[in-house]
Amino acid sequence: MTEEFRLLTREEIEAVPGMQDPIPGSLFAVGMVDEKNVAATCGVFLVVHVDPIWVREDLRLDGVSLRLWDATAKEIAWRRLGSEAFFSMSETVPGQPTEDKLAEEAGKFGAQELKARFFVIPIPEATDGLG
């Protein structure tokens, strides 16, 4: 049995069962390919992380944040970076009362709070890529 680990083509990625549709423009996938075609894959894509919006104090009640988010969302869509954007807060950062205000603002943009577990996997120093 011959096997090869390599970057997959766009067509191969699209054929992977359960692959996100539409596929974000930033996605690449490394796969194991054998005589039966793709046998395993690991998809990697950039997660759009937005920092909380800042608006100068004298403009905070003028709807600037909603218009700013609309412009930002259009730019994210144009760049095909995905269909969602994330922002996060920890138990201590940014802290109250900012945390409640950010949650309120996010709700105005259609945000929903997730109940999730996040993991950070360390990536070793680069030696040589597959590409």
N, C-alpha and C. Protein backbone atom coordinates (compact mmCIF):
# COMPACT_ATOMS: atom_id res chain seq x y z
N MET A 1 0.85 -1.18 0.00
CA MET A 1 0.00 0.00 0.00
C MET A 1 0.89 1.24 0.00
N THR A 2 0.63 2.14 -0.92
CA THR A 2 1.38 3.38 -0.97
C THR A 2 0.53 4.50 -0.37
N GLU A 3 1.19 5.31 0.41
CA GLU A 3 0.48 6.45 0.99
C GLU A 3 1.37 7.68 0.91
N GLU A 4 0.73 8.81 0.78
CA GLU A 4 1.44 10.07 0.66
C GLU A 4 0.70 11.11 1.50
N PHE A 5 1.44 11.89 2.26
CA PHE A 5 0.86 13.01 2.99
C PHE A 5 1.20 14.27 2.21
N ARG A 6 0.14 15.03 1.82
CA ARG A 6 0.37 16.21 1.00
C ARG A 6 -0.80 17.17 1.14
N LEU A 7 -0.59 18.38 0.58
CA LEU A 7 -1.69 19.33 0.49
C LEU A 7 -2.71 18.79 -0.50
N LEU A 8 -3.97 18.90 -0.16
CA LEU A 8 -5.02 18.43 -1.06
C LEU A 8 -5.42 19.55 -2.02
N THR A 9 -5.90 19.14 -3.19
CA THR A 9 -6.41 20.11 -4.15
C THR A 9 -7.79 20.58 -3.67
N ARG A 10 -8.26 21.66 -4.24
CA ARG A 10 -9.59 22.18 -3.89
C ARG A 10 -10.66 21.13 -4.18
N GLU A 11 -10.54 20.43 -5.29
CA GLU A 11 -11.51 19.39 -5.65
C GLU A 11 -11.50 18.26 -4.62
N GLU A 12 -10.32 17.87 -4.17
CA GLU A 12 -10.24 16.81 -3.16
C GLU A 12 -10.86 17.28 -1.84
N ILE A 13 -10.62 18.53 -1.48
CA ILE A 13 -11.19 19.08 -0.24
C ILE A 13 -12.71 19.07 -0.32
N GLU A 14 -13.25 19.51 -1.45
CA GLU A 14 -14.70 19.58 -1.61
C GLU A 14 -15.36 18.20 -1.52
N ALA A 15 -14.63 17.13 -1.84
CA ALA A 15 -15.18 15.78 -1.82
C ALA A 15 -15.12 15.12 -0.44
N VAL A 16 -14.47 15.76 0.53
CA VAL A 16 -14.35 15.17 1.86
C VAL A 16 -15.71 15.21 2.56
N PRO A 17 -16.21 14.06 3.03
CA PRO A 17 -17.50 14.04 3.73
C PRO A 17 -17.48 14.97 4.94
N GLY A 18 -18.55 15.76 5.09
CA GLY A 18 -18.68 16.64 6.23
C GLY A 18 -17.90 17.94 6.14
N MET A 19 -17.26 18.19 5.00
CA MET A 19 -16.48 19.42 4.85
C MET A 19 -17.43 20.61 4.84
N GLN A 20 -16.98 21.68 5.43
CA GLN A 20 -17.76 22.91 5.51
C GLN A 20 -18.12 23.40 4.11
N ASP A 21 -19.36 23.86 3.95
CA ASP A 21 -19.81 24.37 2.66
C ASP A 21 -20.54 25.68 2.89
N PRO A 22 -20.14 26.79 2.33
CA PRO A 22 -19.04 26.88 1.39
C PRO A 22 -17.69 26.81 2.11
N ILE A 23 -16.70 26.40 1.38
CA ILE A 23 -15.36 26.29 1.93
C ILE A 23 -14.76 27.69 2.03
N PRO A 24 -14.30 28.09 3.22
CA PRO A 24 -13.68 29.42 3.34
C PRO A 24 -12.47 29.55 2.43
N GLY A 25 -12.26 30.73 1.90
CA GLY A 25 -11.13 30.97 1.01
C GLY A 25 -9.80 30.73 1.69
N SER A 26 -9.75 30.84 3.01
CA SER A 26 -8.49 30.67 3.73
C SER A 26 -8.18 29.21 4.05
N LEU A 27 -9.08 28.28 3.71
CA LEU A 27 -8.89 26.88 4.10
C LEU A 27 -7.87 26.18 3.23
N PHE A 28 -7.02 25.39 3.89
CA PHE A 28 -6.19 24.41 3.18
C PHE A 28 -6.33 23.11 3.95
N ALA A 29 -6.03 22.02 3.31
CA ALA A 29 -6.14 20.73 3.98
C ALA A 29 -4.93 19.88 3.64
N VAL A 30 -4.41 19.22 4.65
CA VAL A 30 -3.35 18.24 4.48
C VAL A 30 -4.04 16.89 4.55
N GLY A 31 -3.69 16.02 3.63
CA GLY A 31 -4.35 14.73 3.61
C GLY A 31 -3.39 13.58 3.42
N MET A 32 -3.88 12.41 3.77
CA MET A 32 -3.19 11.18 3.42
C MET A 32 -3.92 10.61 2.22
N VAL A 33 -3.18 10.38 1.15
CA VAL A 33 -3.76 9.86 -0.09
C VAL A 33 -3.13 8.50 -0.37
N ASP A 34 -3.99 7.53 -0.65
CA ASP A 34 -3.49 6.21 -1.01
C ASP A 34 -4.09 5.81 -2.35
N GLU A 35 -3.98 4.53 -2.71
CA GLU A 35 -4.46 4.10 -4.01
C GLU A 35 -5.98 4.24 -4.16
N LYS A 36 -6.70 4.41 -3.06
CA LYS A 36 -8.16 4.61 -3.12
C LYS A 36 -8.54 6.08 -3.07
N ASN A 37 -7.59 6.98 -3.11
CA ASN A 37 -7.79 8.43 -3.08
C ASN A 37 -7.57 8.95 -1.65
N VAL A 38 -8.27 10.00 -1.27
CA VAL A 38 -8.07 10.62 0.04
C VAL A 38 -8.55 9.67 1.14
N ALA A 39 -7.64 9.37 2.08
CA ALA A 39 -7.95 8.44 3.17
C ALA A 39 -8.12 9.16 4.50
N ALA A 40 -7.53 10.33 4.65
CA ALA A 40 -7.62 11.09 5.89
C ALA A 40 -7.31 12.55 5.56
N THR A 41 -7.87 13.44 6.34
CA THR A 41 -7.60 14.86 6.09
C THR A 41 -7.67 15.66 7.37
N CYS A 42 -6.92 16.74 7.37
CA CYS A 42 -6.96 17.70 8.47
C CYS A 42 -7.12 19.07 7.83
N GLY A 43 -8.31 19.64 7.96
CA GLY A 43 -8.57 20.96 7.38
C GLY A 43 -8.11 22.06 8.33
N VAL A 44 -7.52 23.08 7.76
CA VAL A 44 -7.02 24.20 8.54
C VAL A 44 -7.54 25.48 7.88
N PHE A 45 -8.16 26.32 8.67
CA PHE A 45 -8.58 27.61 8.14
C PHE A 45 -8.48 28.65 9.22
N LEU A 46 -8.33 29.87 8.77
CA LEU A 46 -8.25 30.98 9.70
C LEU A 46 -9.63 31.21 10.31
N VAL A 47 -9.65 31.38 11.60
CA VAL A 47 -10.88 31.77 12.27
C VAL A 47 -10.85 33.28 12.38
N VAL A 48 -11.90 33.90 11.90
CA VAL A 48 -11.95 35.35 11.95
C VAL A 48 -12.25 35.74 13.40
N HIS A 49 -11.28 36.38 14.01
CA HIS A 49 -11.43 36.85 15.38
C HIS A 49 -11.49 38.37 15.33
N VAL A 50 -12.57 38.91 15.81
CA VAL A 50 -12.70 40.36 15.82
C VAL A 50 -12.45 40.88 17.23
N ASP A 51 -11.77 41.97 17.30
CA ASP A 51 -11.60 42.63 18.59
C ASP A 51 -12.82 43.49 18.83
N PRO A 52 -13.16 43.68 20.09
CA PRO A 52 -14.33 44.52 20.39
C PRO A 52 -14.20 45.88 19.71
N ILE A 53 -15.33 46.37 19.29
CA ILE A 53 -15.38 47.63 18.56
C ILE A 53 -15.19 48.80 19.51
N TRP A 54 -14.37 49.72 19.09
CA TRP A 54 -14.18 50.97 19.83
C TRP A 54 -14.78 52.10 19.02
N VAL A 55 -15.53 52.93 19.68
CA VAL A 55 -16.11 54.12 19.05
C VAL A 55 -15.80 55.30 19.97
N ARG A 56 -15.33 56.37 19.38
CA ARG A 56 -15.04 57.56 20.16
C ARG A 56 -16.28 57.96 20.97
N GLU A 57 -16.09 58.38 22.18
CA GLU A 57 -17.17 58.61 23.14
C GLU A 57 -18.27 59.53 22.61
N ASP A 58 -17.93 60.58 21.89
CA ASP A 58 -18.95 61.52 21.43
C ASP A 58 -19.82 60.96 20.30
N LEU A 59 -19.49 59.78 19.78
CA LEU A 59 -20.27 59.16 18.70
C LEU A 59 -20.96 57.87 19.12
N ARG A 60 -20.89 57.50 20.36
CA ARG A 60 -21.36 56.18 20.80
C ARG A 60 -22.86 55.99 20.71
N LEU A 61 -23.63 57.03 20.68
CA LEU A 61 -25.08 56.88 20.59
C LEU A 61 -25.62 57.18 19.20
N ASP A 62 -24.73 57.30 18.22
CA ASP A 62 -25.13 57.66 16.86
C ASP A 62 -25.22 56.48 15.90
N GLY A 63 -25.21 55.26 16.38
CA GLY A 63 -25.30 54.10 15.51
C GLY A 63 -24.02 53.79 14.75
N VAL A 64 -22.92 54.41 15.17
CA VAL A 64 -21.65 54.19 14.47
C VAL A 64 -21.22 52.74 14.58
N SER A 65 -21.41 52.11 15.74
CA SER A 65 -20.94 50.73 15.89
C SER A 65 -21.65 49.78 14.93
N LEU A 66 -22.95 49.97 14.73
CA LEU A 66 -23.67 49.10 13.78
C LEU A 66 -23.19 49.32 12.35
N ARG A 67 -22.99 50.57 11.96
CA ARG A 67 -22.50 50.85 10.61
C ARG A 67 -21.08 50.34 10.43
N LEU A 68 -20.26 50.48 11.48
CA LEU A 68 -18.89 49.97 11.43
C LEU A 68 -18.90 48.45 11.27
N TRP A 69 -19.76 47.76 12.04
CA TRP A 69 -19.82 46.31 11.91
C TRP A 69 -20.30 45.90 10.52
N ASP A 70 -21.30 46.58 9.97
CA ASP A 70 -21.77 46.26 8.62
C ASP A 70 -20.62 46.36 7.61
N ALA A 71 -19.83 47.42 7.70
CA ALA A 71 -18.70 47.58 6.79
C ALA A 71 -17.66 46.49 7.01
N THR A 72 -17.42 46.14 8.27
CA THR A 72 -16.45 45.08 8.59
C THR A 72 -16.93 43.73 8.05
N ALA A 73 -18.20 43.42 8.25
CA ALA A 73 -18.76 42.15 7.77
C ALA A 73 -18.67 42.06 6.25
N LYS A 74 -18.91 43.16 5.56
CA LYS A 74 -18.79 43.15 4.09
C LYS A 74 -17.36 42.86 3.67
N GLU A 75 -16.40 43.41 4.38
CA GLU A 75 -14.99 43.17 4.05
C GLU A 75 -14.61 41.71 4.32
N ILE A 76 -15.09 41.16 5.43
CA ILE A 76 -14.83 39.74 5.74
C ILE A 76 -15.43 38.85 4.64
N ALA A 77 -16.66 39.15 4.22
CA ALA A 77 -17.31 38.36 3.17
C ALA A 77 -16.56 38.49 1.85
N TRP A 78 -16.17 39.71 1.48
CA TRP A 78 -15.45 39.92 0.23
C TRP A 78 -14.15 39.13 0.19
N ARG A 79 -13.48 39.03 1.34
CA ARG A 79 -12.22 38.29 1.41
C ARG A 79 -12.44 36.78 1.56
N ARG A 80 -13.69 36.35 1.60
CA ARG A 80 -14.06 34.93 1.77
C ARG A 80 -13.37 34.31 2.98
N LEU A 81 -13.43 35.00 4.09
CA LEU A 81 -12.76 34.52 5.31
C LEU A 81 -13.67 33.66 6.18
N GLY A 82 -14.86 33.40 5.73
CA GLY A 82 -15.77 32.55 6.49
C GLY A 82 -17.11 33.22 6.69
N SER A 83 -18.03 32.45 7.23
CA SER A 83 -19.39 32.95 7.40
C SER A 83 -19.68 33.40 8.82
N GLU A 84 -18.68 33.34 9.68
CA GLU A 84 -18.84 33.76 11.07
C GLU A 84 -17.58 34.46 11.54
N ALA A 85 -17.75 35.30 12.53
CA ALA A 85 -16.61 35.92 13.19
C ALA A 85 -16.77 35.68 14.69
N PHE A 86 -15.66 35.56 15.37
CA PHE A 86 -15.68 35.26 16.79
C PHE A 86 -14.98 36.36 17.57
N PHE A 87 -15.41 36.56 18.79
CA PHE A 87 -14.61 37.30 19.74
C PHE A 87 -14.80 36.60 21.07
N SER A 88 -13.85 36.76 21.92
CA SER A 88 -13.90 36.02 23.18
C SER A 88 -13.53 36.92 24.35
N MET A 89 -13.99 36.48 25.50
CA MET A 89 -13.66 37.14 26.76
C MET A 89 -13.33 36.03 27.75
N SER A 90 -12.36 36.27 28.59
CA SER A 90 -12.03 35.28 29.61
C SER A 90 -12.66 35.69 30.93
N GLU A 91 -12.37 34.92 31.96
CA GLU A 91 -12.94 35.23 33.28
C GLU A 91 -12.47 36.58 33.80
N THR A 92 -11.30 37.04 33.35
CA THR A 92 -10.75 38.29 33.89
C THR A 92 -10.55 39.38 32.85
N VAL A 93 -10.58 39.06 31.57
CA VAL A 93 -10.33 40.06 30.53
C VAL A 93 -11.55 40.14 29.63
N PRO A 94 -12.23 41.23 29.47
CA PRO A 94 -11.84 42.56 29.91
C PRO A 94 -12.33 42.93 31.31
N GLY A 95 -13.15 42.10 31.91
CA GLY A 95 -13.69 42.42 33.23
C GLY A 95 -14.95 43.26 33.13
N GLN A 96 -15.60 43.43 34.26
CA GLN A 96 -16.83 44.22 34.32
C GLN A 96 -16.51 45.70 34.50
N PRO A 97 -17.29 46.63 34.05
CA PRO A 97 -18.57 46.48 33.36
C PRO A 97 -18.43 46.31 31.85
N THR A 98 -17.19 46.33 31.35
CA THR A 98 -16.95 46.25 29.90
C THR A 98 -17.52 44.96 29.31
N GLU A 99 -17.38 43.85 30.02
CA GLU A 99 -17.85 42.57 29.52
C GLU A 99 -19.34 42.59 29.20
N ASP A 100 -20.15 43.12 30.11
CA ASP A 100 -21.59 43.17 29.86
C ASP A 100 -21.92 44.10 28.69
N LYS A 101 -21.20 45.20 28.57
CA LYS A 101 -21.44 46.14 27.48
C LYS A 101 -21.08 45.49 26.13
N LEU A 102 -19.97 44.77 26.08
CA LEU A 102 -19.58 44.09 24.84
C LEU A 102 -20.60 43.03 24.46
N ALA A 103 -21.09 42.29 25.44
CA ALA A 103 -22.11 41.26 25.17
C ALA A 103 -23.39 41.90 24.63
N GLU A 104 -23.77 43.04 25.19
CA GLU A 104 -24.95 43.76 24.73
C GLU A 104 -24.77 44.23 23.28
N GLU A 105 -23.62 44.82 23.00
CA GLU A 105 -23.34 45.30 21.64
C GLU A 105 -23.31 44.14 20.65
N ALA A 106 -22.68 43.03 21.03
CA ALA A 106 -22.61 41.87 20.14
C ALA A 106 -24.00 41.36 19.80
N GLY A 107 -24.90 41.39 20.76
CA GLY A 107 -26.28 40.98 20.51
C GLY A 107 -26.94 41.83 19.43
N LYS A 108 -26.61 43.10 19.36
CA LYS A 108 -27.16 43.98 18.32
C LYS A 108 -26.72 43.55 16.93
N PHE A 109 -25.58 42.84 16.84
CA PHE A 109 -25.06 42.38 15.56
C PHE A 109 -25.52 40.97 15.23
N GLY A 110 -26.38 40.41 16.09
CA GLY A 110 -26.87 39.05 15.86
C GLY A 110 -26.03 37.98 16.51
N ALA A 111 -25.10 38.36 17.37
CA ALA A 111 -24.21 37.38 18.01
C ALA A 111 -24.99 36.49 18.99
N GLN A 112 -24.55 35.28 19.11
CA GLN A 112 -25.08 34.33 20.08
C GLN A 112 -23.93 33.84 20.93
N GLU A 113 -24.17 33.75 22.23
CA GLU A 113 -23.12 33.25 23.11
C GLU A 113 -23.01 31.74 22.96
N LEU A 114 -21.78 31.26 22.85
CA LEU A 114 -21.52 29.83 22.71
C LEU A 114 -21.19 29.21 24.06
N LYS A 115 -21.63 28.02 24.23
CA LYS A 115 -21.16 27.19 25.33
C LYS A 115 -20.22 26.19 24.66
N ALA A 116 -18.93 26.37 24.84
CA ALA A 116 -17.98 25.58 24.09
C ALA A 116 -16.71 25.34 24.90
N ARG A 117 -15.92 24.43 24.40
CA ARG A 117 -14.60 24.18 24.96
C ARG A 117 -13.59 24.52 23.88
N PHE A 118 -12.58 25.27 24.25
CA PHE A 118 -11.54 25.66 23.30
C PHE A 118 -10.23 25.03 23.75
N PHE A 119 -9.43 24.62 22.78
CA PHE A 119 -8.15 24.01 23.06
C PHE A 119 -7.08 24.71 22.24
N VAL A 120 -5.93 24.85 22.79
CA VAL A 120 -4.79 25.43 22.09
C VAL A 120 -3.76 24.33 21.89
N ILE A 121 -3.40 24.07 20.65
CA ILE A 121 -2.41 23.05 20.32
C ILE A 121 -1.13 23.77 19.92
N PRO A 122 -0.03 23.52 20.61
CA PRO A 122 1.21 24.21 20.24
C PRO A 122 1.72 23.73 18.88
N ILE A 123 2.25 24.65 18.10
CA ILE A 123 2.82 24.34 16.79
C ILE A 123 4.33 24.49 16.91
N PRO A 124 5.10 23.44 16.55
CA PRO A 124 6.55 23.54 16.65
C PRO A 124 7.13 24.52 15.64
N GLU A 125 8.36 24.91 15.85
CA GLU A 125 9.07 25.79 14.92
C GLU A 125 9.06 25.20 13.52
N ALA A 126 8.94 26.05 12.52
CA ALA A 126 8.90 25.61 11.13
C ALA A 126 10.25 25.05 10.70
N THR A 127 10.21 23.94 10.01
CA THR A 127 11.43 23.38 9.42
C THR A 127 11.27 23.31 7.90
N ASP A 128 10.16 22.73 7.46
CA ASP A 128 9.90 22.61 6.04
C ASP A 128 8.39 22.36 5.87
N GLY A 129 7.78 23.05 4.93
CA GLY A 129 6.36 22.87 4.69
C GLY A 129 6.11 21.83 3.63
N LEU A 130 4.85 21.49 3.46
CA LEU A 130 4.46 20.53 2.42
C LEU A 130 4.30 21.20 1.08
N GLY A 131 4.00 22.53 1.10
CA GLY A 131 3.68 23.24 -0.13
C GLY A 131 4.86 23.47 -0.97
